[in-house]
Amino acid sequence: MTVTTTVAELRELLASDAPPAVLDVRWALGDPHGREHYAEGHIPGAVYVDLETELASAPTARGGRHPLPPITQLQDAARRWGLRQERPVVVYDDLGNTAAARAWWLLRYAGLERVTLLDGALGAWRSAGLLLESGQPAAPPRGDVVLREGALPLTDADGAAELAASGLLLDARAGERYRGEVEPVDPRAGHIPGAVSAPTGENLAADGTFLPADELRKRFAELGADAARSGAGAAWPGDDAAGPGPYAATPGTNSAPRIGVYCGSGVTAAHELAALEIAGFRAVLFPGSWSAWSTDRDRPAAKGERP
């Protein structure tokens, strides 16, 4: 399944008779001014999406800082954005798609297949010399999209611990947070014991686009993804017969690789899932991530370079 759309492709699509919906997910940790940044300049026709209120529900100890929103809440938001059942969706941010990937993953989890990330994000659009639109445009016509959760698998803290012990669990946070040297927002520093450090930023080239598929494949293979691919896992949604494992998956026959990803609160981990898909690996998200794990004092925390 296609993960990205290039700037040239988006420009052509926007000029066509059937343009895609474009979503601007301007968000960064510690920066609550996404809507203002959107108003200063966005791709013409793009609709602003608020990550905190539309792509997540209120924080909880069990769910972490950005729990997945109820499907009814997400569907209502998606209709406000103008999403229609057969209309493609392109999402972007201004931070290498590390926030936009949350919308990409969440909409695909909810059953939409034609959702892509704008490769290079807003920076690529600017670099191409294309115009930006400013201000707060009128809301688009309300969409009719119907969403159903469960099209992609996810796991919880128990499943993440099991993957760390017998599969591959990737920590998508910056290296210093993985090592426990700093922890700016969550209750404890460190990482899930057994997890492997795989910072999200290393998925990107200097210009903010994803590394080529072969380079990403090599990166994840060196982290253990090939070995995890060969392990027995749970069924992937859409297959025919369910198998054992820590995934919340619909019935299927083919075993999914035993690869999981987490980050601070389930946002940048979605970017890692996109990179893994480009590289040819399937993986599962732990939405609560470190924000949920570190809140539970019964869960151990490891520090240092080693898993």
C-alpha atoms as a PDB file:
ATOM      1  CA  MET A   1       0.000   0.000   0.000  1.00  0.00           C
ATOM      2  CA  THR A   2       1.317   3.453  -0.926  1.00  0.00           C
ATOM      3  CA  VAL A   3       2.583   5.404   2.092  1.00  0.00           C
ATOM      4  CA  THR A   4       3.648   8.741   0.581  1.00  0.00           C
ATOM      5  CA  THR A   5       2.640  11.276  -2.039  1.00  0.00           C
ATOM      6  CA  THR A   6       5.242  13.604  -3.545  1.00  0.00           C
ATOM      7  CA  VAL A   7       4.795  17.350  -3.860  1.00  0.00           C
ATOM      8  CA  ALA A   8       4.645  17.025  -7.648  1.00  0.00           C
ATOM      9  CA  GLU A   9       1.940  14.368  -7.364  1.00  0.00           C
ATOM     10  CA  LEU A  10      -0.090  16.425  -4.896  1.00  0.00           C
ATOM     11  CA  ARG A  11       0.129  19.523  -7.081  1.00  0.00           C
ATOM     12  CA  GLU A  12      -1.208  17.520 -10.033  1.00  0.00           C
ATOM     13  CA  LEU A  13      -3.953  15.935  -7.955  1.00  0.00           C
ATOM     14  CA  LEU A  14      -5.115  19.289  -6.588  1.00  0.00           C
ATOM     15  CA  ALA A  15      -5.511  20.565 -10.149  1.00  0.00           C
ATOM     16  CA  SER A  16      -7.552  17.499 -11.193  1.00  0.00           C
ATOM     17  CA  ASP A  17     -11.302  17.018 -11.311  1.00  0.00           C
ATOM     18  CA  ALA A  18     -11.138  14.844  -8.188  1.00  0.00           C
ATOM     19  CA  PRO A  19      -8.704  16.486  -5.744  1.00  0.00           C
ATOM     20  CA  PRO A  20      -7.835  14.749  -2.481  1.00  0.00           C
ATOM     21  CA  ALA A  21      -8.680  16.065   0.957  1.00  0.00           C
ATOM     22  CA  VAL A  22      -5.568  17.650   2.464  1.00  0.00           C
ATOM     23  CA  LEU A  23      -5.095  17.732   6.237  1.00  0.00           C
ATOM     24  CA  ASP A  24      -2.635  19.976   8.076  1.00  0.00           C
ATOM     25  CA  VAL A  25      -1.616  18.398  11.400  1.00  0.00           C
ATOM     26  CA  ARG A  26       0.594  21.174  12.780  1.00  0.00           C
ATOM     27  CA  TRP A  27       1.761  19.970  16.229  1.00  0.00           C
ATOM     28  CA  ALA A  28       4.970  19.684  18.207  1.00  0.00           C
ATOM     29  CA  LEU A  29       5.664  18.689  21.799  1.00  0.00           C
ATOM     30  CA  GLY A  30       5.590  21.835  23.917  1.00  0.00           C
ATOM     31  CA  ASP A  31       4.117  24.016  21.147  1.00  0.00           C
ATOM     32  CA  PRO A  32       0.356  24.590  21.564  1.00  0.00           C
ATOM     33  CA  HIS A  33       0.115  27.058  18.661  1.00  0.00           C
ATOM     34  CA  GLY A  34      -0.556  24.713  15.761  1.00  0.00           C
ATOM     35  CA  ARG A  35      -3.676  26.541  14.612  1.00  0.00           C
ATOM     36  CA  GLU A  36      -1.807  29.850  14.548  1.00  0.00           C
ATOM     37  CA  HIS A  37       1.024  28.302  12.511  1.00  0.00           C
ATOM     38  CA  TYR A  38      -1.588  26.929  10.105  1.00  0.00           C
ATOM     39  CA  ALA A  39      -3.151  30.383   9.730  1.00  0.00           C
ATOM     40  CA  GLU A  40       0.248  31.887   8.914  1.00  0.00           C
ATOM     41  CA  GLY A  41       0.604  29.628   5.894  1.00  0.00           C
ATOM     42  CA  HIS A  42      -0.738  26.276   4.695  1.00  0.00           C
ATOM     43  CA  ILE A  43      -1.224  24.369   1.458  1.00  0.00           C
ATOM     44  CA  PRO A  44      -4.241  25.878  -0.345  1.00  0.00           C
ATOM     45  CA  GLY A  45      -7.405  24.028   0.591  1.00  0.00           C
ATOM     46  CA  ALA A  46      -5.841  22.179   3.507  1.00  0.00           C
ATOM     47  CA  VAL A  47      -7.987  21.726   6.623  1.00  0.00           C
ATOM     48  CA  TYR A  48      -6.428  22.151  10.049  1.00  0.00           C
ATOM     49  CA  VAL A  49      -6.539  19.094  12.340  1.00  0.00           C
ATOM     50  CA  ASP A  50      -5.959  19.500  16.075  1.00  0.00           C
ATOM     51  CA  LEU A  51      -3.941  16.542  17.309  1.00  0.00           C
ATOM     52  CA  GLU A  52      -4.710  17.061  20.984  1.00  0.00           C
ATOM     53  CA  THR A  53      -8.501  17.229  20.654  1.00  0.00           C
ATOM     54  CA  GLU A  54      -9.307  15.435  17.388  1.00  0.00           C
ATOM     55  CA  LEU A  55      -6.658  12.707  17.094  1.00  0.00           C
ATOM     56  CA  ALA A  56      -6.614  11.818  20.791  1.00  0.00           C
ATOM     57  CA  SER A  57      -8.892  11.680  23.792  1.00  0.00           C
ATOM     58  CA  ALA A  58      -8.195  13.055  27.262  1.00  0.00           C
ATOM     59  CA  PRO A  59      -5.062  11.671  28.991  1.00  0.00           C
ATOM     60  CA  THR A  60      -5.431   8.756  31.388  1.00  0.00           C
ATOM     61  CA  ALA A  61      -2.970   6.708  33.418  1.00  0.00           C
ATOM     62  CA  ARG A  62      -3.771   3.571  31.429  1.00  0.00           C
ATOM     63  CA  GLY A  63      -4.016   5.242  28.027  1.00  0.00           C
ATOM     64  CA  GLY A  64      -1.150   7.714  28.366  1.00  0.00           C
ATOM     65  CA  ARG A  65      -0.945  11.306  27.180  1.00  0.00           C
ATOM     66  CA  HIS A  66      -2.642  10.717  23.812  1.00  0.00           C
ATOM     67  CA  PRO A  67      -5.094   7.798  24.021  1.00  0.00           C
ATOM     68  CA  LEU A  68      -6.808   6.813  20.796  1.00  0.00           C
ATOM     69  CA  PRO A  69     -10.084   8.710  20.393  1.00  0.00           C
ATOM     70  CA  PRO A  70     -13.380   6.786  20.370  1.00  0.00           C
ATOM     71  CA  ILE A  71     -14.280   5.863  16.802  1.00  0.00           C
ATOM     72  CA  THR A  72     -17.480   7.934  16.950  1.00  0.00           C
ATOM     73  CA  GLN A  73     -15.450  11.005  17.947  1.00  0.00           C
ATOM     74  CA  LEU A  74     -12.959  10.400  15.145  1.00  0.00           C
ATOM     75  CA  GLN A  75     -15.704   9.886  12.575  1.00  0.00           C
ATOM     76  CA  ASP A  76     -17.400  13.132  13.573  1.00  0.00           C
ATOM     77  CA  ALA A  77     -14.090  14.990  13.264  1.00  0.00           C
ATOM     78  CA  ALA A  78     -13.337  13.378   9.904  1.00  0.00           C
ATOM     79  CA  ARG A  79     -16.703  14.490   8.568  1.00  0.00           C
ATOM     80  CA  ARG A  80     -15.981  18.039   9.772  1.00  0.00           C
ATOM     81  CA  TRP A  81     -12.731  17.860   7.773  1.00  0.00           C
ATOM     82  CA  GLY A  82     -14.825  17.018   4.708  1.00  0.00           C
ATOM     83  CA  LEU A  83     -13.671  13.414   4.308  1.00  0.00           C
ATOM     84  CA  ARG A  84     -15.752  11.272   1.977  1.00  0.00           C
ATOM     85  CA  GLN A  85     -15.677   7.517   1.638  1.00  0.00           C
ATOM     86  CA  GLU A  86     -13.917   7.247  -1.733  1.00  0.00           C
ATOM     87  CA  ARG A  87     -11.904  10.476  -1.595  1.00  0.00           C
ATOM     88  CA  PRO A  88      -8.115  10.129  -1.129  1.00  0.00           C
ATOM     89  CA  VAL A  89      -6.527  11.906   1.834  1.00  0.00           C
ATOM     90  CA  VAL A  90      -3.062  13.500   2.014  1.00  0.00           C
ATOM     91  CA  VAL A  91      -1.731  14.603   5.406  1.00  0.00           C
ATOM     92  CA  TYR A  92       1.268  16.734   6.332  1.00  0.00           C
ATOM     93  CA  ASP A  93       2.800  18.834   9.097  1.00  0.00           C
ATOM     94  CA  ASP A  94       5.824  21.114   9.361  1.00  0.00           C
ATOM     95  CA  LEU A  95       8.017  18.643  11.260  1.00  0.00           C
ATOM     96  CA  GLY A  96       8.955  15.869   8.856  1.00  0.00           C
ATOM     97  CA  ASN A  97       5.486  14.290   9.215  1.00  0.00           C
ATOM     98  CA  THR A  98       6.267  13.125  12.755  1.00  0.00           C
ATOM     99  CA  ALA A  99       2.890  14.517  13.880  1.00  0.00           C
ATOM    100  CA  ALA A 100       0.970  13.987  10.631  1.00  0.00           C
ATOM    101  CA  ALA A 101       1.776  10.274  10.812  1.00  0.00           C
ATOM    102  CA  ARG A 102      -0.669  10.051  13.739  1.00  0.00           C
ATOM    103  CA  ALA A 103      -3.505  11.043  11.391  1.00  0.00           C
ATOM    104  CA  TRP A 104      -2.159   8.727   8.679  1.00  0.00           C
ATOM    105  CA  TRP A 105      -2.103   5.725  11.024  1.00  0.00           C
ATOM    106  CA  LEU A 106      -5.363   6.544  12.795  1.00  0.00           C
ATOM    107  CA  LEU A 107      -7.384   6.919   9.591  1.00  0.00           C
ATOM    108  CA  ARG A 108      -5.981   3.671   8.240  1.00  0.00           C
ATOM    109  CA  TYR A 109      -6.719   1.983  11.573  1.00  0.00           C
ATOM    110  CA  ALA A 110     -10.283   3.257  11.091  1.00  0.00           C
ATOM    111  CA  GLY A 111     -10.576   1.578   7.692  1.00  0.00           C
ATOM    112  CA  LEU A 112      -9.522   4.217   5.141  1.00  0.00           C
ATOM    113  CA  GLU A 113      -6.981   2.830   2.689  1.00  0.00           C
ATOM    114  CA  ARG A 114      -6.247   5.819   0.448  1.00  0.00           C
ATOM    115  CA  VAL A 115      -4.366   7.896   3.023  1.00  0.00           C
ATOM    116  CA  THR A 116      -0.809   9.082   2.367  1.00  0.00           C
ATOM    117  CA  LEU A 117       1.813  11.361   3.895  1.00  0.00           C
ATOM    118  CA  LEU A 118       3.135  14.292   1.867  1.00  0.00           C
ATOM    119  CA  ASP A 119       6.769  13.251   1.532  1.00  0.00           C
ATOM    120  CA  GLY A 120       8.967  16.001   2.927  1.00  0.00           C
ATOM    121  CA  ALA A 121       5.958  17.618   4.625  1.00  0.00           C
ATOM    122  CA  LEU A 122       5.353  21.363   4.310  1.00  0.00           C
ATOM    123  CA  GLY A 123       9.072  22.011   3.881  1.00  0.00           C
ATOM    124  CA  ALA A 124       9.033  20.167   0.554  1.00  0.00           C
ATOM    125  CA  TRP A 125       6.093  22.259  -0.639  1.00  0.00           C
ATOM    126  CA  ARG A 126       7.960  25.445   0.270  1.00  0.00           C
ATOM    127  CA  SER A 127      11.180  24.209  -1.338  1.00  0.00           C
ATOM    128  CA  ALA A 128       9.294  23.641  -4.584  1.00  0.00           C
ATOM    129  CA  GLY A 129       8.383  27.339  -4.574  1.00  0.00           C
ATOM    130  CA  LEU A 130       4.654  26.676  -4.350  1.00  0.00           C
ATOM    131  CA  LEU A 131       2.243  29.174  -2.893  1.00  0.00           C
ATOM    132  CA  LEU A 132       0.815  29.007   0.604  1.00  0.00           C
ATOM    133  CA  GLU A 133      -2.600  30.181   1.727  1.00  0.00           C
ATOM    134  CA  SER A 134      -3.000  32.193   4.923  1.00  0.00           C
ATOM    135  CA  GLY A 135      -5.852  32.824   7.307  1.00  0.00           C
ATOM    136  CA  GLN A 136      -8.615  30.600   8.625  1.00  0.00           C
ATOM    137  CA  PRO A 137     -10.757  29.466   5.669  1.00  0.00           C
ATOM    138  CA  ALA A 138     -14.411  28.525   5.938  1.00  0.00           C
ATOM    139  CA  ALA A 139     -15.147  24.963   6.984  1.00  0.00           C
ATOM    140  CA  PRO A 140     -15.383  22.514   4.069  1.00  0.00           C
ATOM    141  CA  PRO A 141     -18.693  20.837   3.163  1.00  0.00           C
ATOM    142  CA  ARG A 142     -19.389  18.129   5.707  1.00  0.00           C
ATOM    143  CA  GLY A 143     -18.216  14.684   4.650  1.00  0.00           C
ATOM    144  CA  ASP A 144     -19.944  11.332   4.835  1.00  0.00           C
ATOM    145  CA  VAL A 145     -17.083   8.982   5.703  1.00  0.00           C
ATOM    146  CA  VAL A 146     -17.910   5.891   7.757  1.00  0.00           C
ATOM    147  CA  LEU A 147     -15.112   4.697  10.053  1.00  0.00           C
ATOM    148  CA  ARG A 148     -14.679   1.329  11.768  1.00  0.00           C
ATOM    149  CA  GLU A 149     -11.817   0.623  14.159  1.00  0.00           C
ATOM    150  CA  GLY A 150      -9.530  -2.376  13.922  1.00  0.00           C
ATOM    151  CA  ALA A 151      -8.217  -2.303  10.342  1.00  0.00           C
ATOM    152  CA  LEU A 152      -4.677  -2.185  11.781  1.00  0.00           C
ATOM    153  CA  PRO A 153      -3.464  -4.038  14.893  1.00  0.00           C
ATOM    154  CA  LEU A 154      -2.439  -2.487  18.182  1.00  0.00           C
ATOM    155  CA  THR A 155      -1.161  -3.766  21.496  1.00  0.00           C
ATOM    156  CA  ASP A 156      -1.147  -2.823  25.166  1.00  0.00           C
ATOM    157  CA  ALA A 157       1.548  -2.748  27.854  1.00  0.00           C
ATOM    158  CA  ASP A 158       1.438  -6.514  28.380  1.00  0.00           C
ATOM    159  CA  GLY A 159       1.759  -7.096  24.654  1.00  0.00           C
ATOM    160  CA  ALA A 160       4.640  -4.615  24.411  1.00  0.00           C
ATOM    161  CA  ALA A 161       6.469  -6.424  27.226  1.00  0.00           C
ATOM    162  CA  GLU A 162       5.953  -9.746  25.459  1.00  0.00           C
ATOM    163  CA  LEU A 163       7.277  -8.361  22.164  1.00  0.00           C
ATOM    164  CA  ALA A 164      10.320  -6.917  23.933  1.00  0.00           C
ATOM    165  CA  ALA A 165      11.054 -10.350  25.379  1.00  0.00           C
ATOM    166  CA  SER A 166      10.417 -12.582  22.370  1.00  0.00           C
ATOM    167  CA  GLY A 167      10.068 -10.400  19.275  1.00  0.00           C
ATOM    168  CA  LEU A 168      11.277  -6.884  18.482  1.00  0.00           C
ATOM    169  CA  LEU A 169      10.041  -3.768  20.253  1.00  0.00           C
ATOM    170  CA  LEU A 170      11.348  -0.497  18.811  1.00  0.00           C
ATOM    171  CA  ASP A 171      11.547   2.716  20.863  1.00  0.00           C
ATOM    172  CA  ALA A 172      11.039   5.626  18.458  1.00  0.00           C
ATOM    173  CA  ARG A 173      12.042   8.387  20.903  1.00  0.00           C
ATOM    174  CA  ALA A 174      15.288  10.328  20.772  1.00  0.00           C
ATOM    175  CA  GLY A 175      18.300   8.397  22.035  1.00  0.00           C
ATOM    176  CA  GLU A 176      18.751  10.474  25.175  1.00  0.00           C
ATOM    177  CA  ARG A 177      15.201   9.695  26.291  1.00  0.00           C
ATOM    178  CA  TYR A 178      15.660   5.993  25.571  1.00  0.00           C
ATOM    179  CA  ARG A 179      18.872   5.979  27.621  1.00  0.00           C
ATOM    180  CA  GLY A 180      17.109   7.754  30.486  1.00  0.00           C
ATOM    181  CA  GLU A 181      19.405  10.794  30.426  1.00  0.00           C
ATOM    182  CA  VAL A 182      16.439  13.186  30.178  1.00  0.00           C
ATOM    183  CA  GLU A 183      12.675  12.888  30.491  1.00  0.00           C
ATOM    184  CA  PRO A 184      10.863  16.157  29.778  1.00  0.00           C
ATOM    185  CA  VAL A 185       7.224  15.084  30.184  1.00  0.00           C
ATOM    186  CA  ASP A 186       6.659  11.582  31.556  1.00  0.00           C
ATOM    187  CA  PRO A 187       6.813  10.347  35.188  1.00  0.00           C
ATOM    188  CA  ARG A 188      10.009   8.281  34.886  1.00  0.00           C
ATOM    189  CA  ALA A 189      13.045   8.185  32.635  1.00  0.00           C
ATOM    190  CA  GLY A 190      14.273   5.139  30.751  1.00  0.00           C
ATOM    191  CA  HIS A 191      12.799   2.580  28.370  1.00  0.00           C
ATOM    192  CA  ILE A 192      10.816  -0.651  28.340  1.00  0.00           C
ATOM    193  CA  PRO A 193      13.276  -3.452  29.208  1.00  0.00           C
ATOM    194  CA  GLY A 194      14.225  -5.322  26.056  1.00  0.00           C
ATOM    195  CA  ALA A 195      13.204  -2.511  23.694  1.00  0.00           C
ATOM    196  CA  VAL A 196      15.677  -1.422  21.002  1.00  0.00           C
ATOM    197  CA  SER A 197      16.428   2.255  20.370  1.00  0.00           C
ATOM    198  CA  ALA A 198      15.306   3.378  16.891  1.00  0.00           C
ATOM    199  CA  PRO A 199      14.893   7.185  16.864  1.00  0.00           C
ATOM    200  CA  THR A 200      12.237   8.394  14.434  1.00  0.00           C
ATOM    201  CA  GLY A 201      14.477  11.147  13.098  1.00  0.00           C
ATOM    202  CA  GLU A 202      16.760   8.549  11.551  1.00  0.00           C
ATOM    203  CA  ASN A 203      13.989   7.578   9.121  1.00  0.00           C
ATOM    204  CA  LEU A 204      14.452  10.873   7.287  1.00  0.00           C
ATOM    205  CA  ALA A 205      16.939  12.332   4.852  1.00  0.00           C
ATOM    206  CA  ALA A 206      18.360  15.832   5.379  1.00  0.00           C
ATOM    207  CA  ASP A 207      15.530  17.373   3.348  1.00  0.00           C
ATOM    208  CA  GLY A 208      12.836  15.811   5.539  1.00  0.00           C
ATOM    209  CA  THR A 209      11.751  13.131   3.057  1.00  0.00           C
ATOM    210  CA  PHE A 210      11.791   9.462   3.971  1.00  0.00           C
ATOM    211  CA  LEU A 211      14.999   7.610   3.229  1.00  0.00           C
ATOM    212  CA  PRO A 212      14.784   5.306   0.192  1.00  0.00           C
ATOM    213  CA  ALA A 213      13.126   1.961   0.853  1.00  0.00           C
ATOM    214  CA  ASP A 214      16.369  -0.003   0.574  1.00  0.00           C
ATOM    215  CA  GLU A 215      18.085   2.213   3.152  1.00  0.00           C
ATOM    216  CA  LEU A 216      15.145   1.899   5.538  1.00  0.00           C
ATOM    217  CA  ARG A 217      15.108  -1.853   4.984  1.00  0.00           C
ATOM    218  CA  LYS A 218      18.785  -2.037   5.882  1.00  0.00           C
ATOM    219  CA  ARG A 219      18.271   0.117   8.949  1.00  0.00           C
ATOM    220  CA  PHE A 220      15.470  -1.994  10.382  1.00  0.00           C
ATOM    221  CA  ALA A 221      17.155  -5.261   9.425  1.00  0.00           C
ATOM    222  CA  GLU A 222      20.200  -4.214  11.448  1.00  0.00           C
ATOM    223  CA  LEU A 223      17.887  -3.521  14.396  1.00  0.00           C
ATOM    224  CA  GLY A 224      16.499  -7.060  14.210  1.00  0.00           C
ATOM    225  CA  ALA A 225      13.446  -6.760  11.968  1.00  0.00           C
ATOM    226  CA  ASP A 226      14.430  -9.651   9.692  1.00  0.00           C
ATOM    227  CA  ALA A 227      14.683 -12.013  12.644  1.00  0.00           C
ATOM    228  CA  ALA A 228      11.340 -10.764  13.982  1.00  0.00           C
ATOM    229  CA  ARG A 229       9.783 -11.239  10.549  1.00  0.00           C
ATOM    230  CA  SER A 230      10.506 -14.949  10.707  1.00  0.00           C
ATOM    231  CA  GLY A 231       8.928 -15.406  14.129  1.00  0.00           C
ATOM    232  CA  ALA A 232       5.399 -16.668  14.717  1.00  0.00           C
ATOM    233  CA  GLY A 233       2.979 -13.854  15.368  1.00  0.00           C
ATOM    234  CA  ALA A 234      -0.653 -12.923  15.424  1.00  0.00           C
ATOM    235  CA  ALA A 235      -2.938 -12.582  12.469  1.00  0.00           C
ATOM    236  CA  TRP A 236      -2.921  -9.362  10.507  1.00  0.00           C
ATOM    237  CA  PRO A 237      -6.289  -7.703   9.936  1.00  0.00           C
ATOM    238  CA  GLY A 238      -7.779  -8.869   6.681  1.00  0.00           C
ATOM    239  CA  ASP A 239      -6.222 -12.346   6.710  1.00  0.00           C
ATOM    240  CA  ASP A 240      -8.328 -15.499   7.131  1.00  0.00           C
ATOM    241  CA  ALA A 241      -7.624 -17.161  10.471  1.00  0.00           C
ATOM    242  CA  ALA A 242      -6.511 -15.699  13.770  1.00  0.00           C
ATOM    243  CA  GLY A 243      -3.386 -16.837  15.584  1.00  0.00           C
ATOM    244  CA  PRO A 244      -1.964 -16.234  19.072  1.00  0.00           C
ATOM    245  CA  GLY A 245      -0.129 -13.099  20.071  1.00  0.00           C
ATOM    246  CA  PRO A 246      -0.459  -9.643  21.606  1.00  0.00           C
ATOM    247  CA  TYR A 247      -2.318  -7.973  18.714  1.00  0.00           C
ATOM    248  CA  ALA A 248      -5.920  -6.843  18.579  1.00  0.00           C
ATOM    249  CA  ALA A 249      -6.487  -8.246  15.109  1.00  0.00           C
ATOM    250  CA  THR A 250      -9.346  -9.514  13.014  1.00  0.00           C
ATOM    251  CA  PRO A 251      -9.216 -13.101  11.716  1.00  0.00           C
ATOM    252  CA  GLY A 252      -6.540 -14.033   9.181  1.00  0.00           C
ATOM    253  CA  THR A 253      -4.143 -16.746   8.071  1.00  0.00           C
ATOM    254  CA  ASN A 254      -0.767 -15.117   7.555  1.00  0.00           C
ATOM    255  CA  SER A 255       1.243 -14.455  10.682  1.00  0.00           C
ATOM    256  CA  ALA A 256       2.198 -10.835  11.218  1.00  0.00           C
ATOM    257  CA  PRO A 257       5.843 -10.213  12.120  1.00  0.00           C
ATOM    258  CA  ARG A 258       6.471  -9.782  15.794  1.00  0.00           C
ATOM    259  CA  ILE A 259       7.536  -6.152  15.617  1.00  0.00           C
ATOM    260  CA  GLY A 260       6.091  -3.468  17.866  1.00  0.00           C
ATOM    261  CA  VAL A 261       6.723   0.267  18.122  1.00  0.00           C
ATOM    262  CA  TYR A 262       6.238   2.800  20.904  1.00  0.00           C
ATOM    263  CA  CYS A 263       7.385   6.357  21.611  1.00  0.00           C
ATOM    264  CA  GLY A 264       6.418   8.897  24.253  1.00  0.00           C
ATOM    265  CA  SER A 265       2.657   8.897  23.686  1.00  0.00           C
ATOM    266  CA  GLY A 266       1.924   7.057  20.449  1.00  0.00           C
ATOM    267  CA  VAL A 267       2.479   9.971  18.040  1.00  0.00           C
ATOM    268  CA  THR A 268       5.968   9.677  16.551  1.00  0.00           C
ATOM    269  CA  ALA A 269       5.711   5.884  16.774  1.00  0.00           C
ATOM    270  CA  ALA A 270       3.214   6.154  13.903  1.00  0.00           C
ATOM    271  CA  HIS A 271       5.984   7.724  11.817  1.00  0.00           C
ATOM    272  CA  GLU A 272       8.159   4.707  12.548  1.00  0.00           C
ATOM    273  CA  LEU A 273       5.314   2.451  11.415  1.00  0.00           C
ATOM    274  CA  ALA A 274       5.187   4.381   8.126  1.00  0.00           C
ATOM    275  CA  ALA A 275       8.935   3.944   7.657  1.00  0.00           C
ATOM    276  CA  LEU A 276       8.672   0.236   8.442  1.00  0.00           C
ATOM    277  CA  GLU A 277       5.909  -0.137   5.863  1.00  0.00           C
ATOM    278  CA  ILE A 278       8.029   1.621   3.231  1.00  0.00           C
ATOM    279  CA  ALA A 279      10.813  -0.821   4.109  1.00  0.00           C
ATOM    280  CA  GLY A 280       8.495  -3.786   3.692  1.00  0.00           C
ATOM    281  CA  PHE A 281       7.875  -4.658   7.353  1.00  0.00           C
ATOM    282  CA  ARG A 282       4.570  -4.908   9.169  1.00  0.00           C
ATOM    283  CA  ALA A 283       4.476  -3.724  12.766  1.00  0.00           C
ATOM    284  CA  VAL A 284       2.038  -3.019  15.580  1.00  0.00           C
ATOM    285  CA  LEU A 285       1.554   0.168  17.616  1.00  0.00           C
ATOM    286  CA  PHE A 286       1.523   0.439  21.407  1.00  0.00           C
ATOM    287  CA  PRO A 287      -0.616   3.620  21.641  1.00  0.00           C
ATOM    288  CA  GLY A 288      -0.079   4.273  25.354  1.00  0.00           C
ATOM    289  CA  SER A 289       3.696   4.101  24.842  1.00  0.00           C
ATOM    290  CA  TRP A 290       6.116   5.321  27.503  1.00  0.00           C
ATOM    291  CA  SER A 291       3.597   7.790  28.948  1.00  0.00           C
ATOM    292  CA  ALA A 292       1.361   4.877  29.967  1.00  0.00           C
ATOM    293  CA  TRP A 293       4.159   2.438  30.871  1.00  0.00           C
ATOM    294  CA  SER A 294       6.047   4.897  33.094  1.00  0.00           C
ATOM    295  CA  THR A 295       2.895   5.832  35.020  1.00  0.00           C
ATOM    296  CA  ASP A 296       2.495   2.251  36.218  1.00  0.00           C
ATOM    297  CA  ARG A 297       5.013   1.829  39.060  1.00  0.00           C
ATOM    298  CA  ASP A 298       4.771  -1.941  38.768  1.00  0.00           C
ATOM    299  CA  ARG A 299       6.341  -1.759  35.296  1.00  0.00           C
ATOM    300  CA  PRO A 300      10.159  -1.863  35.284  1.00  0.00           C
ATOM    301  CA  ALA A 301      12.281   0.762  33.552  1.00  0.00           C
ATOM    302  CA  ALA A 302      15.696   0.214  32.025  1.00  0.00           C
ATOM    303  CA  LYS A 303      18.368   2.846  31.396  1.00  0.00           C
ATOM    304  CA  GLY A 304      21.458   3.056  29.252  1.00  0.00           C
ATOM    305  CA  GLU A 305      22.403   2.001  25.735  1.00  0.00           C
ATOM    306  CA  ARG A 306      21.475  -1.661  26.115  1.00  0.00           C
ATOM    307  CA  PRO A 307      17.949  -3.048  25.692  1.00  0.00           C
END
